[in-house]
Amino acid sequence: MPQTLIGTPASAGPPSLDSYVVAGSYPTYEQAQRAMSHLAEQRFPVAKTAIVGTGLRLVEQVLGRLAWWHSAGGGAATGAWFGLLAGLLASLVAPGAAPMAAALGGLAFGAVFGAAFGLAAHAFGRLAPGRRDVLSRSTLVADRYDIVVTPDVAEDAKNLLIKYGWRTG
């Protein structure tokens, strides 16, 4: 019996946005989301829409210096979780093992070895060319967020978004 697919096949890829029409434009993503929610509340066929960010740029915010204790602490935390999980699994497999002792032992060993690996990674990372000793967070930001729709529903979307602008503006 042939299998029925709902929607477009995965091999078809995402629809091309070249044929879409801009129905509204907003300075922030949150405003575009609220406008899209308004369309959904009005029973608009939101499956025929998309939010497209234009004028993209990558913003990297420097949070501080990367010190050895950041690496050791991050490694210890990761190792502790891994050790806790290993200890709990070991207590399930080993007959007569005390679950609490196995979990705490795994947590302690995991934290120690995780801190050691974190320090080793920090030390070897400092030897790498081009390595920066800063902590940072990268964010992708757009200058504008457009709500685009298929041409068959463009006029309805524009009218609803104009009314939404009157109500919120």
C-alpha atoms as a PDB file:
ATOM      1  CA  MET A   1       0.000   0.000   0.000  1.00  0.00           C
ATOM      2  CA  PRO A   2       1.539   3.359  -0.975  1.00  0.00           C
ATOM      3  CA  GLN A   3       2.316   5.806   1.792  1.00  0.00           C
ATOM      4  CA  THR A   4       0.480   9.129   1.699  1.00  0.00           C
ATOM      5  CA  LEU A   5       2.489  12.252   2.521  1.00  0.00           C
ATOM      6  CA  ILE A   6       0.942  15.231   4.197  1.00  0.00           C
ATOM      7  CA  GLY A   7       2.341  18.498   2.878  1.00  0.00           C
ATOM      8  CA  THR A   8       5.281  18.736   0.534  1.00  0.00           C
ATOM      9  CA  PRO A   9       7.929  16.018   0.374  1.00  0.00           C
ATOM     10  CA  ALA A  10      11.152  16.758   2.260  1.00  0.00           C
ATOM     11  CA  SER A  11      13.146  16.549  -0.962  1.00  0.00           C
ATOM     12  CA  ALA A  12      11.189  19.499  -2.352  1.00  0.00           C
ATOM     13  CA  GLY A  13      12.889  21.809   0.164  1.00  0.00           C
ATOM     14  CA  PRO A  14      11.472  25.058   1.504  1.00  0.00           C
ATOM     15  CA  PRO A  15       9.285  27.118  -0.818  1.00  0.00           C
ATOM     16  CA  SER A  16      11.008  29.926  -2.684  1.00  0.00           C
ATOM     17  CA  LEU A  17      10.257  33.308  -1.169  1.00  0.00           C
ATOM     18  CA  ASP A  18      10.752  35.045  -4.529  1.00  0.00           C
ATOM     19  CA  SER A  19       7.040  34.847  -5.314  1.00  0.00           C
ATOM     20  CA  TYR A  20       5.929  36.098  -1.875  1.00  0.00           C
ATOM     21  CA  VAL A  21       4.627  39.650  -1.323  1.00  0.00           C
ATOM     22  CA  VAL A  22       5.538  41.880   1.643  1.00  0.00           C
ATOM     23  CA  ALA A  23       2.376  42.495   3.660  1.00  0.00           C
ATOM     24  CA  GLY A  24       3.960  44.316   6.605  1.00  0.00           C
ATOM     25  CA  SER A  25       7.353  45.407   7.904  1.00  0.00           C
ATOM     26  CA  TYR A  26       8.450  45.754  11.549  1.00  0.00           C
ATOM     27  CA  PRO A  27      11.616  46.987  13.287  1.00  0.00           C
ATOM     28  CA  THR A  28      11.774  44.090  15.801  1.00  0.00           C
ATOM     29  CA  TYR A  29      11.119  40.381  15.615  1.00  0.00           C
ATOM     30  CA  GLU A  30       8.746  40.585  18.583  1.00  0.00           C
ATOM     31  CA  GLN A  31       6.566  43.120  16.767  1.00  0.00           C
ATOM     32  CA  ALA A  32       6.489  40.885  13.689  1.00  0.00           C
ATOM     33  CA  GLN A  33       5.490  37.938  15.896  1.00  0.00           C
ATOM     34  CA  ARG A  34       2.662  39.942  17.467  1.00  0.00           C
ATOM     35  CA  ALA A  35       1.429  40.947  14.008  1.00  0.00           C
ATOM     36  CA  MET A  36       1.561  37.300  12.932  1.00  0.00           C
ATOM     37  CA  SER A  37      -0.421  36.331  16.042  1.00  0.00           C
ATOM     38  CA  HIS A  38      -3.018  38.935  15.064  1.00  0.00           C
ATOM     39  CA  LEU A  39      -3.313  37.323  11.624  1.00  0.00           C
ATOM     40  CA  ALA A  40      -3.789  33.917  13.250  1.00  0.00           C
ATOM     41  CA  GLU A  41      -6.466  35.305  15.604  1.00  0.00           C
ATOM     42  CA  GLN A  42      -8.318  36.644  12.564  1.00  0.00           C
ATOM     43  CA  ARG A  43      -8.379  33.125  11.053  1.00  0.00           C
ATOM     44  CA  PHE A  44      -5.933  34.138   8.320  1.00  0.00           C
ATOM     45  CA  PRO A  45      -4.217  31.140   6.627  1.00  0.00           C
ATOM     46  CA  VAL A  46      -0.849  31.622   8.362  1.00  0.00           C
ATOM     47  CA  ALA A  47       0.569  28.589   6.547  1.00  0.00           C
ATOM     48  CA  LYS A  48       0.888  30.947   3.574  1.00  0.00           C
ATOM     49  CA  THR A  49       3.102  33.392   5.478  1.00  0.00           C
ATOM     50  CA  ALA A  50       6.684  33.755   6.656  1.00  0.00           C
ATOM     51  CA  ILE A  51       8.709  36.219   8.724  1.00  0.00           C
ATOM     52  CA  VAL A  52      11.862  37.250   6.864  1.00  0.00           C
ATOM     53  CA  GLY A  53      14.681  39.203   8.485  1.00  0.00           C
ATOM     54  CA  THR A  54      16.574  41.504   6.124  1.00  0.00           C
ATOM     55  CA  GLY A  55      19.807  43.401   6.620  1.00  0.00           C
ATOM     56  CA  LEU A  56      21.310  40.665   8.774  1.00  0.00           C
ATOM     57  CA  ARG A  57      24.392  41.253  10.890  1.00  0.00           C
ATOM     58  CA  LEU A  58      26.225  39.230  13.515  1.00  0.00           C
ATOM     59  CA  VAL A  59      26.630  40.978  16.869  1.00  0.00           C
ATOM     60  CA  GLU A  60      29.135  39.515  19.319  1.00  0.00           C
ATOM     61  CA  GLN A  61      28.800  40.772  22.864  1.00  0.00           C
ATOM     62  CA  VAL A  62      31.952  40.326  24.946  1.00  0.00           C
ATOM     63  CA  LEU A  63      30.987  39.191  28.435  1.00  0.00           C
ATOM     64  CA  GLY A  64      34.414  39.151  30.053  1.00  0.00           C
ATOM     65  CA  ARG A  65      37.797  37.506  30.141  1.00  0.00           C
ATOM     66  CA  LEU A  66      38.141  33.732  29.934  1.00  0.00           C
ATOM     67  CA  ALA A  67      40.054  32.738  33.053  1.00  0.00           C
ATOM     68  CA  TRP A  68      41.286  29.315  34.088  1.00  0.00           C
ATOM     69  CA  TRP A  69      38.568  29.046  36.720  1.00  0.00           C
ATOM     70  CA  HIS A  70      35.857  29.439  34.019  1.00  0.00           C
ATOM     71  CA  SER A  71      37.280  26.419  32.227  1.00  0.00           C
ATOM     72  CA  ALA A  72      37.718  24.406  35.410  1.00  0.00           C
ATOM     73  CA  GLY A  73      34.219  25.261  36.659  1.00  0.00           C
ATOM     74  CA  GLY A  74      32.546  24.473  33.334  1.00  0.00           C
ATOM     75  CA  GLY A  75      34.432  21.196  33.069  1.00  0.00           C
ATOM     76  CA  ALA A  76      33.580  20.273  36.662  1.00  0.00           C
ATOM     77  CA  ALA A  77      29.874  20.975  36.134  1.00  0.00           C
ATOM     78  CA  THR A  78      29.761  18.920  32.935  1.00  0.00           C
ATOM     79  CA  GLY A  79      31.783  16.128  34.511  1.00  0.00           C
ATOM     80  CA  ALA A  80      29.568  16.104  37.606  1.00  0.00           C
ATOM     81  CA  TRP A  81      26.426  15.576  35.504  1.00  0.00           C
ATOM     82  CA  PHE A  82      28.107  12.842  33.480  1.00  0.00           C
ATOM     83  CA  GLY A  83      29.465  11.201  36.635  1.00  0.00           C
ATOM     84  CA  LEU A  84      26.074  11.343  38.334  1.00  0.00           C
ATOM     85  CA  LEU A  85      24.460   9.640  35.356  1.00  0.00           C
ATOM     86  CA  ALA A  86      27.219   7.012  35.207  1.00  0.00           C
ATOM     87  CA  GLY A  87      26.896   6.365  38.928  1.00  0.00           C
ATOM     88  CA  LEU A  88      23.128   5.929  38.713  1.00  0.00           C
ATOM     89  CA  LEU A  89      23.468   3.561  35.752  1.00  0.00           C
ATOM     90  CA  ALA A  90      26.165   1.602  37.577  1.00  0.00           C
ATOM     91  CA  SER A  91      23.899   1.218  40.604  1.00  0.00           C
ATOM     92  CA  LEU A  92      21.206  -0.281  38.362  1.00  0.00           C
ATOM     93  CA  VAL A  93      23.572  -2.802  36.788  1.00  0.00           C
ATOM     94  CA  ALA A  94      25.767  -3.782  39.737  1.00  0.00           C
ATOM     95  CA  PRO A  95      24.049  -6.146  42.177  1.00  0.00           C
ATOM     96  CA  GLY A  96      24.023  -4.930  45.766  1.00  0.00           C
ATOM     97  CA  ALA A  97      25.376  -1.465  44.983  1.00  0.00           C
ATOM     98  CA  ALA A  98      23.989   1.360  47.081  1.00  0.00           C
ATOM     99  CA  PRO A  99      22.354   3.795  44.630  1.00  0.00           C
ATOM    100  CA  MET A 100      23.115   6.896  46.697  1.00  0.00           C
ATOM    101  CA  ALA A 101      26.770   5.997  47.211  1.00  0.00           C
ATOM    102  CA  ALA A 102      27.219   5.162  43.523  1.00  0.00           C
ATOM    103  CA  ALA A 103      25.544   8.410  42.457  1.00  0.00           C
ATOM    104  CA  LEU A 104      27.593  10.578  44.834  1.00  0.00           C
ATOM    105  CA  GLY A 105      30.820   8.743  43.940  1.00  0.00           C
ATOM    106  CA  GLY A 106      30.132   9.200  40.250  1.00  0.00           C
ATOM    107  CA  LEU A 107      29.330  12.858  40.814  1.00  0.00           C
ATOM    108  CA  ALA A 108      32.587  13.456  42.731  1.00  0.00           C
ATOM    109  CA  PHE A 109      34.802  11.580  40.256  1.00  0.00           C
ATOM    110  CA  GLY A 110      33.053  13.241  37.329  1.00  0.00           C
ATOM    111  CA  ALA A 111      33.572  16.706  38.797  1.00  0.00           C
ATOM    112  CA  VAL A 112      37.283  16.081  39.455  1.00  0.00           C
ATOM    113  CA  PHE A 113      37.983  14.619  36.021  1.00  0.00           C
ATOM    114  CA  GLY A 114      35.803  17.240  34.310  1.00  0.00           C
ATOM    115  CA  ALA A 115      37.728  20.047  36.004  1.00  0.00           C
ATOM    116  CA  ALA A 116      41.016  18.440  34.981  1.00  0.00           C
ATOM    117  CA  PHE A 117      39.895  18.130  31.359  1.00  0.00           C
ATOM    118  CA  GLY A 118      38.572  21.703  31.414  1.00  0.00           C
ATOM    119  CA  LEU A 119      41.940  22.976  32.641  1.00  0.00           C
ATOM    120  CA  ALA A 120      43.788  20.893  30.051  1.00  0.00           C
ATOM    121  CA  ALA A 121      41.567  22.238  27.274  1.00  0.00           C
ATOM    122  CA  HIS A 122      42.158  25.786  28.538  1.00  0.00           C
ATOM    123  CA  ALA A 123      45.943  25.285  28.637  1.00  0.00           C
ATOM    124  CA  PHE A 124      46.130  23.707  25.176  1.00  0.00           C
ATOM    125  CA  GLY A 125      43.672  26.234  23.783  1.00  0.00           C
ATOM    126  CA  ARG A 126      45.987  29.074  24.767  1.00  0.00           C
ATOM    127  CA  LEU A 127      48.648  27.549  22.515  1.00  0.00           C
ATOM    128  CA  ALA A 128      46.371  27.673  19.448  1.00  0.00           C
ATOM    129  CA  PRO A 129      47.079  30.519  17.023  1.00  0.00           C
ATOM    130  CA  GLY A 130      44.383  33.192  16.860  1.00  0.00           C
ATOM    131  CA  ARG A 131      42.860  32.081  20.160  1.00  0.00           C
ATOM    132  CA  ARG A 132      41.092  34.815  22.124  1.00  0.00           C
ATOM    133  CA  ASP A 133      40.815  34.757  25.891  1.00  0.00           C
ATOM    134  CA  VAL A 134      37.329  36.255  26.097  1.00  0.00           C
ATOM    135  CA  LEU A 135      33.860  34.961  26.809  1.00  0.00           C
ATOM    136  CA  SER A 136      31.307  36.167  24.292  1.00  0.00           C
ATOM    137  CA  ARG A 137      27.791  35.597  23.016  1.00  0.00           C
ATOM    138  CA  SER A 138      26.891  35.923  19.330  1.00  0.00           C
ATOM    139  CA  THR A 139      23.469  37.021  18.126  1.00  0.00           C
ATOM    140  CA  LEU A 140      22.075  37.342  14.620  1.00  0.00           C
ATOM    141  CA  VAL A 141      20.142  40.631  14.276  1.00  0.00           C
ATOM    142  CA  ALA A 142      18.146  42.012  11.354  1.00  0.00           C
ATOM    143  CA  ASP A 143      17.496  45.646  10.466  1.00  0.00           C
ATOM    144  CA  ARG A 144      13.880  44.839   9.593  1.00  0.00           C
ATOM    145  CA  TYR A 145      11.449  41.915   9.774  1.00  0.00           C
ATOM    146  CA  ASP A 146       8.971  41.530   6.923  1.00  0.00           C
ATOM    147  CA  ILE A 147       5.811  39.461   6.988  1.00  0.00           C
ATOM    148  CA  VAL A 148       5.574  37.977   3.524  1.00  0.00           C
ATOM    149  CA  VAL A 149       2.579  36.121   2.097  1.00  0.00           C
ATOM    150  CA  THR A 150       1.650  34.282  -1.059  1.00  0.00           C
ATOM    151  CA  PRO A 151       0.114  36.502  -3.763  1.00  0.00           C
ATOM    152  CA  ASP A 152      -3.345  34.905  -3.511  1.00  0.00           C
ATOM    153  CA  VAL A 153      -3.841  36.208   0.063  1.00  0.00           C
ATOM    154  CA  ALA A 154      -1.703  39.356  -0.092  1.00  0.00           C
ATOM    155  CA  GLU A 155      -4.547  41.897  -0.112  1.00  0.00           C
ATOM    156  CA  ASP A 156      -6.299  40.252   2.835  1.00  0.00           C
ATOM    157  CA  ALA A 157      -3.061  40.200   4.826  1.00  0.00           C
ATOM    158  CA  LYS A 158      -2.279  43.845   4.059  1.00  0.00           C
ATOM    159  CA  ASN A 159      -5.786  44.934   5.109  1.00  0.00           C
ATOM    160  CA  LEU A 160      -5.634  42.957   8.360  1.00  0.00           C
ATOM    161  CA  LEU A 161      -2.184  44.329   9.184  1.00  0.00           C
ATOM    162  CA  ILE A 162      -3.301  47.908   8.452  1.00  0.00           C
ATOM    163  CA  LYS A 163      -6.211  47.435  10.880  1.00  0.00           C
ATOM    164  CA  TYR A 164      -3.791  45.884  13.388  1.00  0.00           C
ATOM    165  CA  GLY A 165      -1.530  48.952  13.044  1.00  0.00           C
ATOM    166  CA  TRP A 166      -4.472  51.276  13.706  1.00  0.00           C
ATOM    167  CA  ARG A 167      -5.365  49.319  16.819  1.00  0.00           C
ATOM    168  CA  THR A 168      -1.831  49.156  18.248  1.00  0.00           C
ATOM    169  CA  GLY A 169      -0.317  52.381  16.889  1.00  0.00           C
END
